[in-house]
Amino acid sequence: MTIATITESAASWAARSRQRSLALARDLAPTLGFVVAVVALWVLFRRLRESSLDEAVAPLHELADMAWGDFWAQLMHVLLMLAIIEPVRRLGPDSGMRRVMVLVAAVALAAAAAAASRILYLVAFDDYSLDELWPYGFRGMFLRYGLLAALLVPAGEFYRAQVRSLEAMRAAEADRATLEQQTLQARLKTLEAQIEPHFLFNTLANVRRLYETDAAAGERMLDRLTHYLQIALPSMRDEHSTLAREAELLEAYFELQQVRMGRRLTYSVDIAPALRQFEVPPMMLLTLVENSIKHGLAPQREGGRVEVGARLEGGKLRLEVADTGRGFGDDTAGGGTGLANIRARLAAMFGSAAEFTLAAREPHGLLATIRLPALAGTTPP
C-alpha cells in the first residue's frame, strides 16, 4: 500500500468521521440545549442566593417554598420528554447503530441534566449543600430520571412507527386511487374506440350497398354521413357530453338512416329544453338507437318506429329508447359489442349508481332504459 493510498484513506476516514460527528451533534442539539438551559438556571439561582439584596429576594424564597418545588419537578419532566422526543423526531426513518447511539446519548444526557437541575434547585432554595447531595443524591436522581427517559424511548419509537405506518397507508391509498383513475380512463378510451369503428363500419357498409343498387341514394347517404361526422368529430374524444349535443347527433343519425330505409323508419326525439344541459356519456344513446334499427327494425319488411325520451325520476336522469322492432332475439338478448360496452361504461363511470335494462314491449319491440345520476353539465350545448 503506497503512502498516497494511505493518505487518501485517512482523509476519507476523517471526512466520514466529521460528517458522523456533525450529524450526531445535530441530532442531540435539543438535548444539549436542555443541558445549557439547566446550567444557566443554576447560575441564576446561585446569583439570587448570593445576592446581598436579601430583603428584595425574600418574596421569591417564600414563593419557592410554597409552589416552586412542585412546579420545577413537573417542568423537569416536560423538558425531559422534549429532550428525548425531539432527537427521535429528527432521526426520521434512520435506523441501525446511529439511531441506538443517539437515543442512548439522549437518555444519558437528559437524565444527567434533570438530576443536576434538581440538585441545583435544592442547593439554591432549600438550604442543602452540594456536599450533602453529591454524589449519592445525584446518583439516585440520575437513576430516577434515567428510568423515566428510558420509558419514554419506546413510546417515542411506537409513535414514530405509527406515523410511518399512517403515512405509508396514505401514500398507498393515493397510489391506488391514481392507478384506479388511470385504469378507468384507459378502459373508457378502449370502449369508446370500440364503439366508434363499430358505428362507422356499419354505416360505410350501408353506403357501399346503396351505391350498388341506387347510386343517388348512396350519394345522399354519404352526404348525411359527412354532416353527421362534422357534428360528431369535434367532441368525439370528450369524456362527457350533454343531452343537447346527443340529441343533435341523433337527429343527424336518423336522417342518415332514413336515406337507406326511407318510409320504413320513423322516429321522434323528445327531450325537454330544461333537461338538455344534463351530462350523459357520449354516444350511448346513439348506440341504443343503432341497435334498435339494426336488430329490431331493419329485419322487418315494414320497418318500424324509434322513440327517444328523457325525464327526471327520483333525482336521477332516465333515458329511454323504445322501438317497434321484432323484440328479443339472439341479437338482442343482452350480448353484442354495443350493449356490452354500455354496461361496461356505466359501471366504470357510475358504479352501482347507474342502471341499464332491456324490456319487451307489447305487441312487439324493445324498451332500453338507462338511469344515471342527474348531473348538470358544463359543456355548452
Protein backbone atom coordinates (compact mmCIF):
# COMPACT_ATOMS: atom_id res chain seq x y z
CA MET A 1 0.00 0.00 0.00
CA THR A 2 1.51 3.31 -1.07
CA ILE A 3 1.76 6.46 1.02
CA ALA A 4 -0.69 8.20 -1.33
CA THR A 5 -3.26 5.45 -0.80
CA ILE A 6 -2.82 5.60 2.98
CA THR A 7 -3.16 9.39 2.93
CA GLU A 8 -6.30 9.19 0.79
CA SER A 9 -7.85 6.55 3.07
CA ALA A 10 -7.04 8.60 6.17
CA ALA A 11 -8.57 11.72 4.63
CA SER A 12 -11.69 9.78 3.65
CA TRP A 13 -12.00 8.32 7.17
CA ALA A 14 -11.56 11.77 8.70
CA ALA A 15 -14.24 13.22 6.42
CA ARG A 16 -16.68 10.43 7.28
CA SER A 17 -15.95 10.82 10.99
CA ARG A 18 -16.51 14.55 10.77
CA GLN A 19 -19.83 14.01 8.99
CA ARG A 20 -20.95 11.46 11.59
CA SER A 21 -19.95 13.78 14.43
CA LEU A 22 -21.83 16.69 12.90
CA ALA A 23 -24.90 14.50 12.36
CA LEU A 24 -24.74 13.26 15.95
CA ALA A 25 -24.37 16.80 17.27
CA ARG A 26 -27.30 17.95 15.14
CA ASP A 27 -29.49 15.13 16.43
CA LEU A 28 -28.52 15.86 20.04
CA ALA A 29 -28.86 19.63 19.72
CA PRO A 30 -32.21 19.80 21.60
CA THR A 31 -30.84 17.70 24.46
CA LEU A 32 -27.66 19.78 24.63
CA GLY A 33 -29.81 22.90 24.66
CA PHE A 34 -31.69 21.45 27.60
CA VAL A 35 -28.39 20.95 29.46
CA VAL A 36 -27.27 24.51 28.72
CA ALA A 37 -30.61 25.86 29.96
CA VAL A 38 -30.23 23.93 33.21
CA VAL A 39 -26.74 25.34 33.76
CA ALA A 40 -27.98 28.85 33.05
CA LEU A 41 -30.81 28.45 35.54
CA TRP A 42 -28.36 27.16 38.14
CA VAL A 43 -26.15 30.22 37.65
CA LEU A 44 -29.19 32.45 38.03
CA PHE A 45 -30.26 30.71 41.22
CA ARG A 46 -26.79 30.96 42.69
CA ARG A 47 -26.65 34.65 41.95
CA LEU A 48 -30.01 35.14 43.63
CA ARG A 49 -28.87 33.08 46.58
CA GLU A 50 -25.64 35.01 46.99
CA SER A 51 -27.25 38.37 46.38
CA SER A 52 -26.86 40.93 49.12
CA LEU A 53 -30.41 42.07 48.45
CA ASP A 54 -31.85 39.51 50.85
CA GLU A 55 -34.94 41.59 51.53
CA ALA A 56 -35.60 42.06 47.80
CA VAL A 57 -35.49 38.33 47.09
CA ALA A 58 -37.35 37.26 50.24
CA PRO A 59 -40.75 37.09 48.46
CA LEU A 60 -39.15 34.89 45.84
CA HIS A 61 -37.98 32.49 48.54
CA GLU A 62 -41.46 32.38 50.04
CA LEU A 63 -42.97 31.63 46.64
CA ALA A 64 -40.44 28.88 46.12
CA ASP A 65 -41.30 27.36 49.48
CA MET A 66 -44.98 27.18 48.54
CA ALA A 67 -45.08 26.09 44.91
CA TRP A 68 -41.80 26.34 43.09
CA GLY A 69 -40.60 22.92 44.09
CA ASP A 70 -43.54 21.08 42.57
CA PHE A 71 -43.54 23.32 39.52
CA TRP A 72 -39.84 22.73 38.98
CA ALA A 73 -40.25 18.96 39.25
CA GLN A 74 -43.05 18.94 36.67
CA LEU A 75 -41.08 21.27 34.43
CA MET A 76 -38.18 18.85 34.53
CA HIS A 77 -40.49 16.04 33.45
CA VAL A 78 -41.77 18.04 30.48
CA LEU A 79 -38.30 19.16 29.44
CA LEU A 80 -37.06 15.61 29.83
CA MET A 81 -39.77 14.37 27.47
CA LEU A 82 -38.93 17.04 24.92
CA ALA A 83 -35.24 16.26 25.20
CA ILE A 84 -35.97 12.64 24.26
CA ILE A 85 -38.76 13.10 21.72
CA GLU A 86 -37.01 15.77 19.66
CA PRO A 87 -33.96 13.63 18.76
CA VAL A 88 -36.31 10.76 17.92
CA ARG A 89 -38.28 13.05 15.61
CA ARG A 90 -35.17 14.46 13.96
CA LEU A 91 -33.81 10.98 13.24
CA GLY A 92 -36.81 10.34 10.97
CA PRO A 93 -36.65 6.94 9.25
CA ASP A 94 -32.96 6.38 10.13
CA SER A 95 -32.20 3.11 11.88
CA GLY A 96 -29.29 0.97 12.90
CA MET A 97 -26.37 1.76 15.20
CA ARG A 98 -26.55 5.51 14.66
CA ARG A 99 -30.10 5.58 15.96
CA VAL A 100 -29.17 3.49 19.01
CA MET A 101 -26.20 5.74 19.77
CA VAL A 102 -28.30 8.90 19.53
CA LEU A 103 -31.05 7.51 21.75
CA VAL A 104 -28.62 6.23 24.41
CA ALA A 105 -26.76 9.54 24.44
CA ALA A 106 -30.03 11.49 24.62
CA VAL A 107 -31.27 9.42 27.57
CA ALA A 108 -27.96 9.75 29.44
CA LEU A 109 -27.60 13.49 28.86
CA ALA A 110 -31.24 14.26 29.62
CA ALA A 111 -31.23 12.19 32.82
CA ALA A 112 -27.96 13.76 33.98
CA ALA A 113 -29.24 17.26 33.23
CA ALA A 114 -32.54 16.61 35.01
CA ALA A 115 -30.78 15.18 38.07
CA ALA A 116 -28.32 18.07 38.11
CA SER A 117 -31.13 20.60 37.82
CA ARG A 118 -32.92 19.04 40.78
CA ILE A 119 -29.78 19.15 42.89
CA LEU A 120 -29.09 22.73 41.88
CA TYR A 121 -32.60 23.70 42.84
CA LEU A 122 -32.21 22.12 46.27
CA VAL A 123 -28.89 23.87 46.76
CA ALA A 124 -30.27 27.23 45.64
CA PHE A 125 -33.56 27.21 47.52
CA ASP A 126 -33.72 24.52 50.21
CA ASP A 127 -30.51 25.17 52.15
CA TYR A 128 -28.84 21.96 51.07
CA SER A 129 -25.14 21.94 50.42
CA LEU A 130 -23.61 20.42 47.35
CA ASP A 131 -21.50 18.13 49.54
CA GLU A 132 -24.67 16.63 51.05
CA LEU A 133 -26.19 15.77 47.67
CA TRP A 134 -23.09 14.74 45.73
CA PRO A 135 -22.58 12.05 44.61
CA TYR A 136 -25.25 9.87 46.25
CA GLY A 137 -28.17 12.23 45.73
CA PHE A 138 -27.17 12.80 42.14
CA ARG A 139 -26.87 9.06 41.53
CA GLY A 140 -30.38 8.38 42.83
CA MET A 141 -31.91 11.21 40.83
CA PHE A 142 -29.97 10.16 37.73
CA LEU A 143 -31.39 6.64 38.02
CA ARG A 144 -34.90 8.03 38.56
CA TYR A 145 -34.81 10.35 35.59
CA GLY A 146 -32.90 7.83 33.51
CA LEU A 147 -35.63 5.24 34.09
CA LEU A 148 -38.28 7.78 33.10
CA ALA A 149 -36.34 8.74 29.99
CA ALA A 150 -35.79 5.09 29.08
CA LEU A 151 -39.55 4.54 29.31
CA LEU A 152 -40.13 7.49 27.01
CA VAL A 153 -37.97 5.99 24.26
CA PRO A 154 -40.32 3.05 23.44
CA ALA A 155 -43.25 5.49 23.49
CA GLY A 156 -41.43 7.71 21.03
CA GLU A 157 -40.47 4.76 18.86
CA PHE A 158 -44.05 3.49 18.90
CA TYR A 159 -45.29 6.94 17.89
CA ARG A 160 -42.71 7.04 15.10
CA ALA A 161 -43.78 3.61 13.83
CA GLN A 162 -47.45 4.62 13.89
CA VAL A 163 -46.76 7.83 11.98
CA ARG A 164 -44.72 5.99 9.37
CA SER A 165 -47.42 3.33 9.03
CA LEU A 166 -50.10 6.01 8.61
CA GLU A 167 -48.02 7.85 6.02
CA ALA A 168 -47.42 4.60 4.15
CA MET A 169 -51.14 3.83 4.18
CA ARG A 170 -51.97 7.29 2.88
CA ALA A 171 -49.35 7.02 0.15
CA ALA A 172 -50.62 3.57 -0.83
CA GLU A 173 -54.21 4.85 -0.90
CA ALA A 174 -53.19 7.80 -3.07
CA ASP A 175 -51.28 5.49 -5.41
CA ARG A 176 -54.24 3.11 -5.57
CA ALA A 177 -56.66 5.95 -6.35
CA THR A 178 -54.34 7.25 -9.07
CA LEU A 179 -53.95 3.78 -10.55
CA GLU A 180 -57.72 3.20 -10.48
CA GLN A 181 -58.30 6.55 -12.21
CA GLN A 182 -55.72 5.76 -14.87
CA THR A 183 -57.18 2.28 -15.36
CA LEU A 184 -60.68 3.71 -15.62
CA GLN A 185 -59.63 6.29 -18.21
CA ALA A 186 -57.80 3.66 -20.24
CA ARG A 187 -60.81 1.34 -20.06
CA LEU A 188 -63.23 4.04 -21.17
CA LYS A 189 -60.96 5.04 -24.05
CA THR A 190 -60.80 1.41 -25.14
CA LEU A 191 -64.57 1.06 -25.01
CA GLU A 192 -65.09 4.29 -26.96
CA ALA A 193 -62.53 3.16 -29.50
CA GLN A 194 -64.61 0.00 -29.99
CA ILE A 195 -67.88 1.93 -30.39
CA GLU A 196 -66.71 4.48 -32.96
CA PRO A 197 -65.37 1.99 -35.55
CA HIS A 198 -68.41 -0.22 -34.87
CA PHE A 199 -70.73 2.60 -35.94
CA LEU A 200 -68.59 3.84 -38.84
CA PHE A 201 -68.03 0.39 -40.33
CA ASN A 202 -71.76 -0.37 -40.26
CA THR A 203 -72.62 2.94 -41.92
CA LEU A 204 -69.93 2.66 -44.59
CA ALA A 205 -71.11 -0.87 -45.36
CA ASN A 206 -74.63 0.52 -45.89
CA VAL A 207 -73.27 3.27 -48.16
CA ARG A 208 -71.49 0.67 -50.28
CA ARG A 209 -74.62 -1.46 -50.60
CA LEU A 210 -76.70 1.58 -51.60
CA TYR A 211 -74.18 2.58 -54.26
CA GLU A 212 -74.52 -0.90 -55.74
CA THR A 213 -78.33 -0.61 -56.01
CA ASP A 214 -79.07 3.14 -56.07
CA ALA A 215 -76.15 5.48 -56.65
CA ALA A 216 -78.20 8.62 -55.92
CA ALA A 217 -79.35 7.22 -52.58
CA GLY A 218 -75.80 6.18 -51.80
CA GLU A 219 -74.60 9.71 -52.53
CA ARG A 220 -77.27 11.21 -50.27
CA MET A 221 -76.34 8.81 -47.50
CA LEU A 222 -72.68 9.75 -47.88
CA ASP A 223 -73.66 13.42 -47.61
CA ARG A 224 -75.62 12.66 -44.44
CA LEU A 225 -72.64 10.76 -43.05
CA THR A 226 -70.41 13.76 -43.76
CA HIS A 227 -72.90 16.00 -41.97
CA TYR A 228 -73.02 13.64 -39.01
CA LEU A 229 -69.23 13.47 -38.74
CA GLN A 230 -68.98 17.25 -38.86
CA ILE A 231 -71.13 17.30 -35.73
CA ALA A 232 -69.56 14.31 -34.00
CA LEU A 233 -65.83 14.58 -34.66
CA PRO A 234 -65.08 17.82 -32.73
CA SER A 235 -66.27 16.20 -29.49
CA MET A 236 -65.80 12.51 -30.20
CA ARG A 237 -62.96 12.17 -27.65
CA ASP A 238 -64.64 14.16 -24.90
CA GLU A 239 -65.21 12.29 -21.65
CA HIS A 240 -68.63 13.91 -21.17
CA SER A 241 -71.42 15.14 -23.36
CA THR A 242 -74.82 16.75 -22.83
CA LEU A 243 -78.30 15.73 -23.86
CA ALA A 244 -78.37 18.73 -26.19
CA ARG A 245 -75.32 17.51 -28.09
CA GLU A 246 -76.51 13.90 -28.12
CA ALA A 247 -79.92 14.99 -29.45
CA GLU A 248 -78.19 16.79 -32.30
CA LEU A 249 -76.17 13.68 -33.09
CA LEU A 250 -79.32 11.54 -33.01
CA GLU A 251 -81.12 13.84 -35.46
CA ALA A 252 -78.18 13.61 -37.86
CA TYR A 253 -78.03 9.84 -37.47
CA PHE A 254 -81.77 9.37 -38.06
CA GLU A 255 -81.51 11.47 -41.23
CA LEU A 256 -78.63 9.27 -42.30
CA GLN A 257 -80.61 6.07 -41.78
CA GLN A 258 -83.73 7.42 -43.43
CA VAL A 259 -81.81 7.70 -46.69
CA ARG A 260 -81.33 3.94 -46.57
CA MET A 261 -84.70 2.88 -45.11
CA GLY A 262 -87.00 5.60 -46.44
CA ARG A 263 -90.54 5.41 -45.09
CA ARG A 264 -89.74 2.22 -43.23
CA LEU A 265 -88.16 4.34 -40.49
CA THR A 266 -89.96 6.94 -38.40
CA TYR A 267 -88.62 8.46 -35.23
CA SER A 268 -89.01 11.07 -32.51
CA VAL A 269 -86.54 12.70 -30.12
CA ASP A 270 -88.44 14.06 -27.12
CA ILE A 271 -86.01 15.83 -24.77
CA ALA A 272 -87.32 18.86 -22.90
CA PRO A 273 -85.18 22.03 -23.10
CA ALA A 274 -84.79 22.04 -19.31
CA LEU A 275 -83.04 18.65 -19.46
CA ARG A 276 -80.66 19.36 -22.30
CA GLN A 277 -77.87 20.69 -20.08
CA PHE A 278 -77.56 17.41 -18.16
CA GLU A 279 -74.44 15.31 -18.67
CA VAL A 280 -74.58 11.91 -20.34
CA PRO A 281 -71.87 9.54 -21.59
CA PRO A 282 -71.09 10.36 -25.24
CA MET A 283 -72.62 8.19 -27.99
CA MET A 284 -74.50 5.96 -25.53
CA LEU A 285 -77.98 6.89 -26.79
CA LEU A 286 -76.70 6.60 -30.34
CA THR A 287 -75.55 3.04 -29.65
CA LEU A 288 -79.04 2.12 -28.43
CA VAL A 289 -80.69 3.73 -31.46
CA GLU A 290 -78.31 1.93 -33.80
CA ASN A 291 -79.06 -1.36 -32.05
CA SER A 292 -82.83 -0.77 -32.42
CA ILE A 293 -82.56 -0.03 -36.13
CA LYS A 294 -80.09 -2.77 -36.99
CA HIS A 295 -81.58 -5.64 -34.96
CA GLY A 296 -85.19 -4.54 -34.49
CA LEU A 297 -86.46 -2.52 -37.47
CA ALA A 298 -84.21 -3.41 -40.39
CA PRO A 299 -85.08 -7.16 -40.45
CA GLN A 300 -88.79 -6.33 -40.68
CA ARG A 301 -90.25 -5.64 -44.09
CA GLU A 302 -92.46 -2.87 -42.70
CA GLY A 303 -89.64 -1.33 -40.64
CA GLY A 304 -90.86 0.50 -37.55
CA ARG A 305 -90.50 3.45 -35.24
CA VAL A 306 -87.84 4.54 -32.73
CA GLU A 307 -88.67 6.93 -29.90
CA VAL A 308 -86.03 8.60 -27.74
CA GLY A 309 -87.04 10.30 -24.49
CA ALA A 310 -85.58 11.69 -21.28
CA ARG A 311 -87.02 12.74 -17.95
CA LEU A 312 -86.09 13.23 -14.31
CA GLU A 313 -87.20 10.49 -11.97
CA GLY A 314 -86.40 10.35 -8.28
CA GLY A 315 -83.32 12.53 -8.56
CA LYS A 316 -81.95 10.52 -11.47
CA LEU A 317 -81.96 11.03 -15.20
CA ARG A 318 -84.00 8.40 -17.02
CA LEU A 319 -83.16 7.87 -20.70
CA GLU A 320 -85.33 5.67 -22.90
CA VAL A 321 -85.01 4.27 -26.40
CA ALA A 322 -88.15 2.40 -27.48
CA ASP A 323 -88.74 0.68 -30.81
CA THR A 324 -91.44 -1.33 -32.55
CA GLY A 325 -89.00 -3.88 -33.89
CA ARG A 326 -89.12 -7.63 -33.64
CA GLY A 327 -88.22 -7.69 -29.94
CA PHE A 328 -85.93 -10.08 -28.15
CA GLY A 329 -83.89 -12.44 -30.25
CA ASP A 330 -80.41 -13.88 -30.41
CA ASP A 331 -79.02 -10.45 -31.30
CA THR A 332 -80.82 -8.57 -28.54
CA ALA A 333 -80.62 -10.93 -25.59
CA GLY A 334 -78.08 -8.71 -23.87
CA GLY A 335 -74.94 -9.55 -25.81
CA GLY A 336 -73.16 -7.79 -28.63
CA THR A 337 -70.44 -5.18 -28.65
CA GLY A 338 -72.72 -2.16 -28.36
CA LEU A 339 -74.84 -3.28 -25.40
CA ALA A 340 -71.87 -4.84 -23.61
CA ASN A 341 -69.99 -1.56 -23.93
CA ILE A 342 -72.93 0.37 -22.49
CA ARG A 343 -72.98 -1.83 -19.40
CA ALA A 344 -69.22 -1.63 -19.00
CA ARG A 345 -69.08 2.15 -19.43
CA LEU A 346 -71.91 2.76 -16.97
CA ALA A 347 -70.25 0.50 -14.39
CA ALA A 348 -66.90 2.22 -14.88
CA MET A 349 -68.28 5.76 -14.70
CA PHE A 350 -71.03 5.48 -12.08
CA GLY A 351 -70.72 2.08 -10.40
CA SER A 352 -73.95 0.97 -8.73
CA ALA A 353 -75.46 4.46 -9.13
CA ALA A 354 -76.35 3.70 -12.76
CA GLU A 355 -78.67 1.05 -14.20
CA PHE A 356 -79.30 -0.33 -17.68
CA THR A 357 -82.27 -2.56 -18.52
CA LEU A 358 -83.92 -4.07 -21.59
CA ALA A 359 -87.63 -4.91 -21.56
CA ALA A 360 -90.09 -6.26 -24.11
CA ARG A 361 -92.88 -4.03 -25.43
CA GLU A 362 -96.36 -5.01 -26.48
CA PRO A 363 -97.28 -6.12 -29.08
CA HIS A 364 -93.61 -6.24 -30.10
CA GLY A 365 -90.43 -4.24 -29.76
CA LEU A 366 -87.95 -3.33 -27.04
CA LEU A 367 -87.57 -0.64 -24.40
CA ALA A 368 -83.99 0.19 -23.36
CA THR A 369 -83.76 2.26 -20.17
CA ILE A 370 -80.75 3.95 -18.62
CA ARG A 371 -80.89 5.51 -15.16
CA LEU A 372 -77.90 7.55 -14.05
CA PRO A 373 -77.14 10.42 -11.65
CA ALA A 374 -78.60 13.74 -12.82
CA LEU A 375 -75.55 15.97 -13.26
CA ALA A 376 -75.84 19.41 -14.80
CA GLY A 377 -73.16 19.67 -17.47
CA THR A 378 -70.74 22.48 -18.15
CA THR A 379 -70.35 21.51 -21.77
CA PRO A 380 -72.15 24.04 -23.91
CA PRO A 381 -74.99 22.59 -25.96
